Amino acid sequence: MCPYLVFAARTPASRHADTEFIVGNVLTDPDIAQRLDDYRFHDRYQVGANITCGTCSLNDRCGKGCPAAVVAAGGRIGDVDAELCPVTTGAPVTGRRILPLMPA
């Protein structure tokens, strides 16, 4: 679970309740690890569930942006992360600076 979703849900523009993303208290709930394991974000929410992502040629390779940024901006999880999407920002698909992924 991403703590930024809780903070994002507490912004005035949010259409999500912060309680959607709180699974417990890390200091007081002895079963917090199990609660976190049991919280299936991608079973509850579908990121990229919009017409822009659905018709994009990058859809299968795209990370769909940051759900917390979408929530903080007043969107619903599944909406386009307009700040990162090369289709909505007009940013070129090639030549973008992307952090490299390194194996652990």
Protein backbone atom coordinates (compact mmCIF):
# COMPACT_ATOMS: atom_id res chain seq x y z
CA MET A 1 0.00 0.00 0.00
CA CYS A 2 1.26 3.45 -0.86
CA PRO A 3 1.10 6.01 1.98
CA TYR A 4 0.96 8.78 -0.61
CA LEU A 5 -2.54 7.62 -1.53
CA VAL A 6 -3.68 8.43 2.01
CA PHE A 7 -2.14 11.91 1.81
CA ALA A 8 -3.58 12.44 -1.68
CA ALA A 9 -7.05 11.39 -0.53
CA ARG A 10 -6.91 14.07 2.15
CA THR A 11 -6.48 16.91 -0.34
CA PRO A 12 -9.51 19.14 -0.96
CA ALA A 13 -9.85 18.04 -4.59
CA SER A 14 -9.86 14.30 -3.82
CA ARG A 15 -12.89 12.21 -4.71
CA HIS A 16 -11.59 9.27 -2.66
CA ALA A 17 -11.84 8.83 1.11
CA ASP A 18 -8.55 8.28 2.91
CA THR A 19 -10.07 5.23 4.60
CA GLU A 20 -10.02 3.42 1.23
CA PHE A 21 -6.24 3.21 1.58
CA ILE A 22 -5.73 2.67 5.31
CA VAL A 23 -5.30 -0.95 6.34
CA GLY A 24 -4.25 -0.46 9.94
CA ASN A 25 -1.73 1.08 12.27
CA VAL A 26 1.87 -0.04 11.96
CA LEU A 27 2.48 0.74 15.64
CA THR A 28 -0.56 -0.90 17.21
CA ASP A 29 -1.79 -3.67 14.90
CA PRO A 30 0.25 -6.84 15.45
CA ASP A 31 -1.10 -8.31 12.20
CA ILE A 32 -0.18 -5.31 10.03
CA ALA A 33 2.03 -7.40 7.73
CA GLN A 34 -0.88 -9.72 6.94
CA ARG A 35 -3.23 -6.76 6.45
CA LEU A 36 -0.82 -5.25 3.96
CA ASP A 37 -0.45 -8.57 2.16
CA ASP A 38 -4.23 -8.96 2.01
CA TYR A 39 -4.83 -5.49 0.55
CA ARG A 40 -4.97 -6.18 -3.16
CA PHE A 41 -4.76 -2.74 -4.75
CA HIS A 42 -4.96 -3.98 -8.33
CA ASP A 43 -7.93 -6.19 -7.51
CA ARG A 44 -9.78 -3.18 -6.04
CA TYR A 45 -8.75 -0.60 -8.62
CA GLN A 46 -7.82 -0.76 -12.28
CA VAL A 47 -5.15 1.77 -13.21
CA GLY A 48 -5.35 2.96 -16.80
CA ALA A 49 -9.08 2.26 -17.04
CA ASN A 50 -9.77 5.08 -19.48
CA ILE A 51 -10.10 5.60 -23.21
CA THR A 52 -6.66 7.22 -23.55
CA CYS A 53 -4.79 4.27 -22.04
CA GLY A 54 -7.07 1.72 -23.66
CA THR A 55 -6.28 2.95 -27.17
CA CYS A 56 -2.61 3.79 -26.64
CA SER A 57 0.09 1.81 -28.43
CA LEU A 58 2.21 1.99 -25.25
CA ASN A 59 -0.52 0.51 -23.04
CA ASP A 60 1.13 -2.86 -22.44
CA ARG A 61 4.49 -1.24 -21.56
CA CYS A 62 3.22 1.73 -19.57
CA GLY A 63 3.25 2.03 -15.78
CA LYS A 64 0.12 4.26 -15.90
CA GLY A 65 1.69 7.02 -13.83
CA CYS A 66 1.08 7.65 -10.16
CA PRO A 67 -2.37 6.90 -8.70
CA ALA A 68 -1.67 9.30 -5.81
CA ALA A 69 -1.03 12.16 -8.24
CA VAL A 70 -4.31 11.40 -10.01
CA VAL A 71 -6.22 11.31 -6.69
CA ALA A 72 -4.61 14.54 -5.42
CA ALA A 73 -5.60 16.28 -8.67
CA GLY A 74 -9.24 15.32 -8.17
CA GLY A 75 -9.30 12.30 -10.46
CA ARG A 76 -10.37 8.76 -9.78
CA ILE A 77 -7.93 5.87 -9.79
CA GLY A 78 -8.00 4.69 -13.38
CA ASP A 79 -7.91 8.19 -14.86
CA VAL A 80 -4.94 9.33 -16.93
CA ASP A 81 -1.96 10.73 -15.03
CA ALA A 82 -1.85 13.78 -17.30
CA GLU A 83 1.50 14.95 -15.96
CA LEU A 84 3.28 11.77 -17.10
CA CYS A 85 1.29 10.59 -20.10
CA PRO A 86 3.10 11.34 -23.37
CA VAL A 87 -0.24 11.35 -25.20
CA THR A 88 -1.89 14.02 -23.04
CA THR A 89 1.25 16.09 -22.40
CA GLY A 90 2.39 16.12 -26.00
CA ALA A 91 5.81 14.91 -24.87
CA PRO A 92 7.58 12.81 -27.47
CA VAL A 93 7.43 9.09 -26.78
CA THR A 94 11.07 8.65 -27.76
CA GLY A 95 13.80 10.72 -26.24
CA ARG A 96 12.10 11.02 -22.84
CA ARG A 97 14.44 10.74 -19.90
CA ILE A 98 13.37 7.70 -17.91
CA LEU A 99 15.14 6.31 -14.88
CA PRO A 100 16.77 2.98 -15.66
CA LEU A 101 15.52 -0.14 -13.95
CA MET A 102 18.22 -2.08 -12.21
CA PRO A 103 17.88 -5.70 -11.08
CA ALA A 104 17.93 -6.15 -7.31
